[in-house]
N, C-alpha and C. Protein backbone atom coordinates (compact mmCIF):
# COMPACT_ATOMS: atom_id res chain seq x y z
N UNK A 1 18.05 -42.82 -9.99
CA UNK A 1 17.99 -42.62 -8.51
C UNK A 1 19.43 -42.35 -8.01
N UNK A 2 20.46 -43.23 -8.48
CA UNK A 2 21.82 -43.11 -8.01
C UNK A 2 22.37 -41.82 -8.57
N UNK A 3 22.08 -41.39 -9.72
CA UNK A 3 22.53 -40.11 -10.19
C UNK A 3 21.97 -38.90 -9.40
N UNK A 4 20.77 -39.01 -8.99
CA UNK A 4 20.21 -37.98 -8.13
C UNK A 4 20.99 -37.84 -6.79
N UNK A 5 21.28 -38.93 -6.16
CA UNK A 5 22.06 -39.02 -4.86
C UNK A 5 23.42 -38.43 -5.12
N UNK A 6 24.10 -38.79 -6.19
CA UNK A 6 25.43 -38.34 -6.42
C UNK A 6 25.43 -36.86 -6.72
N UNK A 7 24.42 -36.37 -7.45
CA UNK A 7 24.36 -34.94 -7.70
C UNK A 7 24.16 -34.17 -6.37
N UNK A 8 23.15 -34.64 -5.49
CA UNK A 8 22.88 -34.06 -4.31
C UNK A 8 24.15 -34.00 -3.41
N UNK A 9 24.91 -35.15 -3.32
CA UNK A 9 26.16 -35.19 -2.65
C UNK A 9 27.18 -34.29 -3.19
N UNK A 10 27.32 -34.07 -4.49
CA UNK A 10 28.17 -33.24 -5.14
C UNK A 10 27.90 -31.80 -4.71
N UNK A 11 26.61 -31.39 -4.79
CA UNK A 11 26.17 -30.04 -4.36
C UNK A 11 26.51 -29.87 -2.96
N UNK A 12 26.20 -30.77 -2.20
CA UNK A 12 26.52 -30.60 -0.71
C UNK A 12 28.01 -30.45 -0.46
N UNK A 13 28.83 -31.23 -1.07
CA UNK A 13 30.26 -31.04 -0.92
C UNK A 13 30.79 -29.73 -1.47
N UNK A 14 30.19 -29.33 -2.48
CA UNK A 14 30.62 -28.03 -3.19
C UNK A 14 30.22 -26.92 -2.16
N UNK A 15 29.06 -27.03 -1.66
CA UNK A 15 28.58 -25.95 -0.81
C UNK A 15 29.41 -25.89 0.54
N UNK A 16 29.78 -27.10 1.08
CA UNK A 16 30.65 -27.20 2.19
C UNK A 16 31.99 -26.56 1.98
N UNK A 17 32.55 -26.99 0.77
CA UNK A 17 33.87 -26.44 0.37
C UNK A 17 33.90 -24.96 0.28
N UNK A 18 32.74 -24.45 -0.30
CA UNK A 18 32.76 -22.96 -0.54
C UNK A 18 32.64 -22.25 0.80
N UNK A 19 31.79 -22.81 1.65
CA UNK A 19 31.64 -22.20 3.06
C UNK A 19 33.04 -22.16 3.77
N UNK A 20 33.80 -23.28 3.69
CA UNK A 20 35.07 -23.38 4.37
C UNK A 20 36.03 -22.29 3.76
N UNK A 21 36.05 -22.12 2.41
CA UNK A 21 36.97 -21.17 1.90
C UNK A 21 36.48 -19.66 2.21
N UNK A 22 35.21 -19.47 2.27
CA UNK A 22 34.70 -18.05 2.67
C UNK A 22 34.92 -17.82 4.11
N UNK A 23 34.95 -18.79 5.01
CA UNK A 23 35.16 -18.60 6.41
C UNK A 23 36.55 -18.23 6.62
N UNK A 24 37.50 -18.70 5.79
CA UNK A 24 38.97 -18.29 5.96
C UNK A 24 39.16 -16.87 5.46
N UNK A 25 38.28 -16.23 4.72
CA UNK A 25 38.43 -14.95 4.27
C UNK A 25 37.72 -13.88 5.15
N UNK A 26 37.01 -14.38 6.11
CA UNK A 26 36.37 -13.32 7.00
C UNK A 26 37.36 -12.66 7.84
N UNK A 27 37.10 -11.34 8.06
CA UNK A 27 38.22 -10.54 8.83
C UNK A 27 38.17 -10.96 10.31
N UNK A 28 39.43 -10.88 10.87
CA UNK A 28 39.58 -11.13 12.35
C UNK A 28 39.73 -9.74 12.99
N UNK A 29 39.00 -9.53 14.09
CA UNK A 29 39.04 -8.22 14.81
C UNK A 29 39.77 -8.54 16.14
N UNK A 30 40.79 -7.75 16.38
CA UNK A 30 41.67 -7.95 17.63
C UNK A 30 41.68 -6.54 18.41
N UNK A 31 41.33 -6.55 19.63
CA UNK A 31 41.32 -5.42 20.55
C UNK A 31 42.50 -5.55 21.54
N UNK A 32 43.21 -4.42 21.68
CA UNK A 32 44.34 -4.30 22.65
C UNK A 32 44.20 -3.21 23.59
N UNK A 33 44.69 -3.43 24.71
CA UNK A 33 44.69 -2.29 25.70
C UNK A 33 43.51 -2.30 26.59
N UNK A 34 43.23 -1.15 27.21
CA UNK A 34 42.06 -0.97 28.00
C UNK A 34 40.74 -0.82 27.21
N UNK A 35 39.74 -1.57 27.46
CA UNK A 35 38.48 -1.50 26.79
C UNK A 35 37.48 -1.08 27.90
N UNK A 36 37.03 0.17 27.88
CA UNK A 36 36.07 0.64 28.89
C UNK A 36 34.78 0.73 28.34
N UNK A 37 33.78 0.62 29.37
CA UNK A 37 32.34 0.93 29.15
C UNK A 37 32.08 2.31 29.52
N UNK A 38 30.98 2.86 29.03
CA UNK A 38 30.57 4.23 29.35
C UNK A 38 30.43 4.40 30.84
N UNK A 39 29.86 3.43 31.54
CA UNK A 39 29.74 3.40 33.04
C UNK A 39 31.11 3.51 33.66
N UNK A 40 32.11 2.92 33.24
CA UNK A 40 33.55 3.09 33.78
C UNK A 40 33.96 4.50 33.74
N UNK A 41 33.74 5.15 32.58
CA UNK A 41 34.21 6.43 32.38
C UNK A 41 33.39 7.46 33.24
N UNK A 42 32.14 7.15 33.48
CA UNK A 42 31.37 8.11 34.26
C UNK A 42 31.79 8.13 35.76
N UNK A 43 32.43 7.10 36.21
CA UNK A 43 32.93 7.13 37.55
C UNK A 43 33.97 8.15 37.84
N UNK A 44 34.81 8.56 36.77
CA UNK A 44 35.85 9.57 37.01
C UNK A 44 35.30 10.92 37.05
N UNK A 45 35.48 11.58 38.22
CA UNK A 45 34.84 12.91 38.26
C UNK A 45 35.98 13.88 38.76
N UNK A 46 35.87 15.07 38.41
CA UNK A 46 36.80 16.11 38.93
C UNK A 46 36.89 16.09 40.47
N UNK A 47 38.10 16.10 40.98
CA UNK A 47 38.25 16.17 42.41
C UNK A 47 38.63 14.79 43.01
N UNK A 48 38.64 13.68 42.11
CA UNK A 48 39.11 12.32 42.64
C UNK A 48 40.56 12.41 42.75
N UNK A 49 40.97 11.58 43.61
CA UNK A 49 42.59 11.44 43.79
C UNK A 49 43.03 10.44 42.65
N UNK A 50 44.40 10.44 42.48
CA UNK A 50 45.03 9.56 41.60
C UNK A 50 44.77 8.06 41.93
N UNK A 51 44.85 7.81 43.38
CA UNK A 51 44.63 6.38 43.87
C UNK A 51 43.27 5.96 43.52
N UNK A 52 42.21 6.91 43.62
CA UNK A 52 40.84 6.44 43.35
C UNK A 52 40.65 6.13 41.83
N UNK A 53 41.30 6.90 40.99
CA UNK A 53 41.32 6.65 39.60
C UNK A 53 41.93 5.27 39.21
N UNK A 54 43.10 5.00 39.83
CA UNK A 54 43.69 3.72 39.59
C UNK A 54 42.83 2.58 40.14
N UNK A 55 42.16 2.84 41.21
CA UNK A 55 41.23 1.81 41.81
C UNK A 55 40.11 1.57 40.89
N UNK A 56 39.52 2.65 40.27
CA UNK A 56 38.31 2.45 39.32
C UNK A 56 38.75 1.94 37.96
N UNK A 57 39.83 2.37 37.49
CA UNK A 57 40.19 2.08 36.12
C UNK A 57 41.37 1.04 35.93
N UNK A 58 42.12 0.89 36.99
CA UNK A 58 43.27 0.08 36.83
C UNK A 58 44.59 0.92 36.52
N UNK A 59 45.64 0.28 36.37
CA UNK A 59 46.96 0.91 36.06
C UNK A 59 46.91 1.52 34.68
N UNK A 60 47.36 2.74 34.54
CA UNK A 60 47.31 3.36 33.27
C UNK A 60 48.39 2.81 32.32
N UNK A 61 48.29 2.90 31.02
CA UNK A 61 49.28 2.40 30.09
C UNK A 61 50.48 3.11 30.18
N UNK A 62 50.38 4.51 30.39
CA UNK A 62 51.58 5.31 30.59
C UNK A 62 51.08 6.53 31.41
N UNK A 63 52.10 7.28 31.91
CA UNK A 63 51.83 8.49 32.67
C UNK A 63 52.79 9.54 32.18
N UNK A 64 52.45 10.78 32.60
CA UNK A 64 53.24 11.93 32.09
C UNK A 64 53.23 13.01 33.22
N UNK A 65 54.39 13.59 33.44
CA UNK A 65 54.46 14.72 34.38
C UNK A 65 54.56 16.03 33.50
N UNK A 66 53.57 16.89 33.54
CA UNK A 66 53.66 18.14 32.85
C UNK A 66 53.59 19.33 33.89
N UNK A 67 53.92 20.38 33.47
CA UNK A 67 53.85 21.58 34.35
C UNK A 67 52.52 21.71 34.87
N UNK A 68 52.34 21.75 36.13
CA UNK A 68 50.99 21.94 36.77
C UNK A 68 50.45 20.65 37.21
N UNK A 69 50.94 19.47 36.99
CA UNK A 69 50.37 18.25 37.48
C UNK A 69 50.73 16.98 36.63
N UNK A 70 50.14 15.93 37.03
CA UNK A 70 50.43 14.64 36.26
C UNK A 70 49.23 14.25 35.32
N UNK A 71 49.50 13.28 34.58
CA UNK A 71 48.45 12.79 33.62
C UNK A 71 48.56 11.31 33.54
N UNK A 72 47.33 10.61 33.45
CA UNK A 72 47.37 9.20 33.23
C UNK A 72 46.77 9.00 31.74
N UNK A 73 47.22 8.05 31.03
CA UNK A 73 46.81 7.66 29.72
C UNK A 73 46.43 6.28 29.66
N UNK A 74 45.21 5.95 29.28
CA UNK A 74 44.73 4.57 29.05
C UNK A 74 44.53 4.42 27.54
N UNK A 75 45.26 3.49 26.97
CA UNK A 75 45.35 3.49 25.53
C UNK A 75 44.60 2.19 24.98
N UNK A 76 43.92 2.28 23.95
CA UNK A 76 43.18 0.98 23.35
C UNK A 76 43.26 1.04 21.84
N UNK A 77 43.32 -0.08 21.20
CA UNK A 77 43.31 -0.02 19.73
C UNK A 77 42.62 -1.28 19.23
N UNK A 78 42.09 -1.15 18.04
CA UNK A 78 41.36 -2.15 17.40
C UNK A 78 41.94 -2.45 15.95
N UNK A 79 42.28 -3.69 15.65
CA UNK A 79 42.98 -4.01 14.43
C UNK A 79 42.09 -5.11 13.79
N UNK A 80 42.01 -5.08 12.37
CA UNK A 80 41.39 -6.14 11.65
C UNK A 80 42.42 -6.77 10.75
N UNK A 81 42.20 -7.99 10.52
CA UNK A 81 43.16 -8.78 9.62
C UNK A 81 42.38 -9.56 8.62
N UNK A 82 42.62 -9.51 7.39
CA UNK A 82 42.00 -10.43 6.48
C UNK A 82 42.96 -11.52 6.03
N UNK A 83 42.62 -12.80 6.24
CA UNK A 83 43.46 -13.89 5.66
C UNK A 83 44.85 -13.74 6.15
N UNK A 84 45.77 -13.66 5.22
CA UNK A 84 47.17 -13.64 5.45
C UNK A 84 47.81 -12.21 5.46
N UNK A 85 47.01 -11.27 5.21
CA UNK A 85 47.39 -9.90 5.06
C UNK A 85 47.82 -9.30 6.32
N UNK A 86 48.61 -8.16 6.27
CA UNK A 86 49.16 -7.54 7.48
C UNK A 86 47.84 -6.86 8.16
N UNK A 87 47.88 -6.92 9.52
CA UNK A 87 46.80 -6.31 10.30
C UNK A 87 46.71 -4.80 9.96
N UNK A 88 45.53 -4.26 10.01
CA UNK A 88 45.35 -2.87 9.85
C UNK A 88 44.69 -2.19 11.01
N UNK A 89 45.24 -1.18 11.59
CA UNK A 89 44.52 -0.48 12.69
C UNK A 89 43.41 0.38 12.25
N UNK A 90 42.18 0.03 12.76
CA UNK A 90 41.00 0.75 12.33
C UNK A 90 40.56 1.76 13.44
N UNK A 91 41.03 1.63 14.62
CA UNK A 91 40.65 2.63 15.72
C UNK A 91 41.66 2.59 16.82
N UNK A 92 41.88 3.72 17.40
CA UNK A 92 42.72 3.99 18.48
C UNK A 92 42.10 4.99 19.42
N UNK A 93 42.03 4.70 20.64
CA UNK A 93 41.52 5.65 21.74
C UNK A 93 42.46 5.88 22.83
N UNK A 94 42.44 7.07 23.29
CA UNK A 94 43.21 7.42 24.41
C UNK A 94 42.43 8.18 25.43
N UNK A 95 42.27 7.52 26.63
CA UNK A 95 41.63 8.24 27.67
C UNK A 95 42.64 9.00 28.55
N UNK A 96 42.61 10.31 28.56
CA UNK A 96 43.70 11.09 29.21
C UNK A 96 42.96 11.74 30.47
N UNK A 97 43.52 11.46 31.60
CA UNK A 97 43.08 12.02 32.82
C UNK A 97 44.19 12.98 33.40
N UNK A 98 43.80 14.15 33.48
CA UNK A 98 44.73 15.24 33.96
C UNK A 98 44.55 15.67 35.32
N UNK A 99 45.61 15.63 36.20
CA UNK A 99 45.46 15.99 37.57
C UNK A 99 46.04 17.40 37.77
N UNK A 100 45.58 18.05 38.67
CA UNK A 100 46.19 19.39 39.04
C UNK A 100 47.25 19.25 40.00
N UNK A 101 47.77 20.38 40.57
CA UNK A 101 48.95 20.45 41.43
C UNK A 101 48.64 19.70 42.73
N UNK A 102 47.38 19.70 43.17
CA UNK A 102 47.01 19.02 44.51
C UNK A 102 46.91 17.50 44.28
N UNK A 103 46.99 17.05 43.09
CA UNK A 103 46.87 15.59 42.88
C UNK A 103 45.42 14.98 42.72
N UNK A 104 44.55 15.95 42.38
CA UNK A 104 43.17 15.55 42.11
C UNK A 104 42.75 15.77 40.63
N UNK A 105 41.75 15.01 40.15
CA UNK A 105 41.32 15.10 38.73
C UNK A 105 40.95 16.52 38.37
N UNK A 106 41.62 17.00 37.42
CA UNK A 106 41.17 18.32 36.91
C UNK A 106 40.36 18.22 35.70
N UNK A 107 40.58 17.38 34.74
CA UNK A 107 39.67 17.06 33.59
C UNK A 107 40.06 15.86 33.03
N UNK A 108 39.06 15.25 32.21
CA UNK A 108 39.14 14.07 31.53
C UNK A 108 38.90 14.28 30.09
N UNK A 109 39.82 13.69 29.14
CA UNK A 109 39.57 13.90 27.81
C UNK A 109 39.81 12.51 27.12
N UNK A 110 38.98 12.34 26.13
CA UNK A 110 38.89 11.12 25.27
C UNK A 110 39.36 11.34 23.85
N UNK A 111 40.52 10.88 23.50
CA UNK A 111 40.96 11.23 22.14
C UNK A 111 40.91 9.98 21.31
N UNK A 112 40.69 10.16 20.01
CA UNK A 112 40.69 9.00 19.15
C UNK A 112 41.12 9.34 17.64
N UNK A 113 41.03 8.48 16.81
CA UNK A 113 41.42 8.65 15.41
C UNK A 113 40.23 9.34 14.52
N UNK A 114 40.56 10.36 14.02
CA UNK A 114 39.53 10.94 12.92
C UNK A 114 40.38 11.55 11.97
N UNK A 115 40.44 11.08 10.78
CA UNK A 115 41.27 11.59 9.74
C UNK A 115 42.69 11.61 10.06
N UNK A 116 43.23 10.74 10.93
CA UNK A 116 44.57 10.70 11.33
C UNK A 116 45.02 11.78 12.24
N UNK A 117 44.06 12.43 12.79
CA UNK A 117 44.41 13.46 13.78
C UNK A 117 43.87 13.25 15.22
N UNK A 118 44.51 13.99 16.16
CA UNK A 118 44.02 13.75 17.50
C UNK A 118 42.69 14.41 17.64
N UNK A 119 41.73 13.64 18.15
CA UNK A 119 40.34 14.22 18.22
C UNK A 119 39.73 13.95 19.62
N UNK A 120 39.26 14.94 20.13
CA UNK A 120 38.59 14.83 21.52
C UNK A 120 37.13 14.41 21.42
N UNK A 121 36.79 13.33 21.82
CA UNK A 121 35.40 12.74 21.58
C UNK A 121 34.36 13.56 22.45
N UNK A 122 34.86 14.00 23.62
CA UNK A 122 33.84 14.71 24.50
C UNK A 122 33.53 16.05 23.95
N UNK A 123 34.51 16.79 23.44
CA UNK A 123 34.15 18.06 22.90
C UNK A 123 33.65 18.03 21.37
N UNK A 124 33.96 17.02 20.74
CA UNK A 124 33.68 16.80 19.34
C UNK A 124 34.44 17.82 18.42
N UNK A 125 35.74 18.21 18.83
CA UNK A 125 36.53 19.10 18.02
C UNK A 125 37.95 18.76 18.34
N UNK A 126 38.80 19.14 17.36
CA UNK A 126 40.18 18.90 17.48
C UNK A 126 40.74 19.98 18.43
N UNK A 127 41.56 19.49 19.48
CA UNK A 127 42.04 20.56 20.34
C UNK A 127 43.10 21.40 19.73
N UNK A 128 43.05 22.72 20.06
CA UNK A 128 43.99 23.60 19.46
C UNK A 128 45.26 23.67 20.20
N UNK A 129 45.30 23.32 21.47
CA UNK A 129 46.54 23.20 22.16
C UNK A 129 46.39 22.32 23.34
N UNK A 130 47.36 21.42 23.43
CA UNK A 130 47.39 20.45 24.52
C UNK A 130 48.80 20.57 25.18
N UNK A 131 48.80 20.73 26.55
CA UNK A 131 50.12 20.88 27.23
C UNK A 131 51.14 19.82 26.87
N UNK A 132 50.67 18.51 26.87
CA UNK A 132 51.68 17.48 26.67
C UNK A 132 51.39 16.95 25.23
N UNK A 133 51.38 17.73 24.28
CA UNK A 133 51.08 17.42 22.90
C UNK A 133 52.14 16.49 22.31
N UNK A 134 53.34 16.58 22.77
CA UNK A 134 54.40 15.63 22.29
C UNK A 134 54.10 14.29 22.62
N UNK A 135 53.61 14.01 23.90
CA UNK A 135 53.37 12.59 24.28
C UNK A 135 52.18 12.10 23.36
N UNK A 136 51.17 12.92 23.15
CA UNK A 136 49.96 12.45 22.36
C UNK A 136 50.45 12.25 20.89
N UNK A 137 51.31 12.99 20.42
CA UNK A 137 51.78 12.93 19.03
C UNK A 137 52.65 11.67 18.94
N UNK A 138 53.32 11.28 19.97
CA UNK A 138 54.05 10.01 19.86
C UNK A 138 53.08 8.84 19.93
N UNK A 139 52.00 8.92 20.77
CA UNK A 139 51.06 7.86 20.74
C UNK A 139 50.41 7.71 19.41
N UNK A 140 49.99 8.76 18.71
CA UNK A 140 49.32 8.70 17.47
C UNK A 140 50.26 8.86 16.25
N UNK A 141 51.56 8.60 16.49
CA UNK A 141 52.45 8.76 15.25
C UNK A 141 52.16 7.70 14.27
N UNK A 142 52.24 7.86 13.05
CA UNK A 142 52.15 6.93 11.97
C UNK A 142 50.65 6.68 11.54
N UNK A 143 49.72 7.37 12.25
CA UNK A 143 48.38 7.10 11.82
C UNK A 143 48.15 7.96 10.51
N UNK A 144 47.50 7.26 9.60
CA UNK A 144 47.23 8.02 8.30
C UNK A 144 48.26 7.73 7.34
N UNK A 145 49.30 7.20 7.62
CA UNK A 145 50.47 6.84 6.73
C UNK A 145 50.33 5.36 6.34
N UNK A 146 50.24 5.19 4.96
CA UNK A 146 50.06 3.80 4.51
C UNK A 146 51.37 3.30 4.01
N UNK A 147 51.78 2.21 4.50
CA UNK A 147 53.02 1.61 4.16
C UNK A 147 52.84 0.38 3.26
N UNK A 148 53.40 0.48 2.06
CA UNK A 148 53.16 -0.62 1.07
C UNK A 148 54.08 -1.66 1.33
N UNK A 149 55.35 -1.47 1.68
CA UNK A 149 56.34 -2.41 1.93
C UNK A 149 56.97 -2.32 3.22
N UNK A 150 57.47 -3.37 3.88
CA UNK A 150 58.30 -3.17 5.08
C UNK A 150 59.68 -3.15 4.78
């Protein structure tokens, strides 16, 4: 009878120890920046003023002045980290709101990571030309490059 209790206790302790070790190996997901719901994005319509956009979505992460108007950029990223390893970025999204010369919304674009390239989720195609491409390239720099050592 005592051996049976010891054996059950040993199995219970072994199972508890294994679950603690496995819990330490589960990935941790971290989200940074603006996290929008679809309903938030549907509020933004062509013709809205810049103040109305800021009221609906908050302050943009960055802005840009390009020929013909201004642009707001809302940036978000998602990283995962396993145990003590370096975090890995698994997703990055940029909501770009372009304003015309009168200061109202001209168009809205949603860019993200797809094979390490800028990708417009709304049109489901890679844009061939973007006015402020250098800013987007700066935002997406380093994507797809794997660094083995720091």
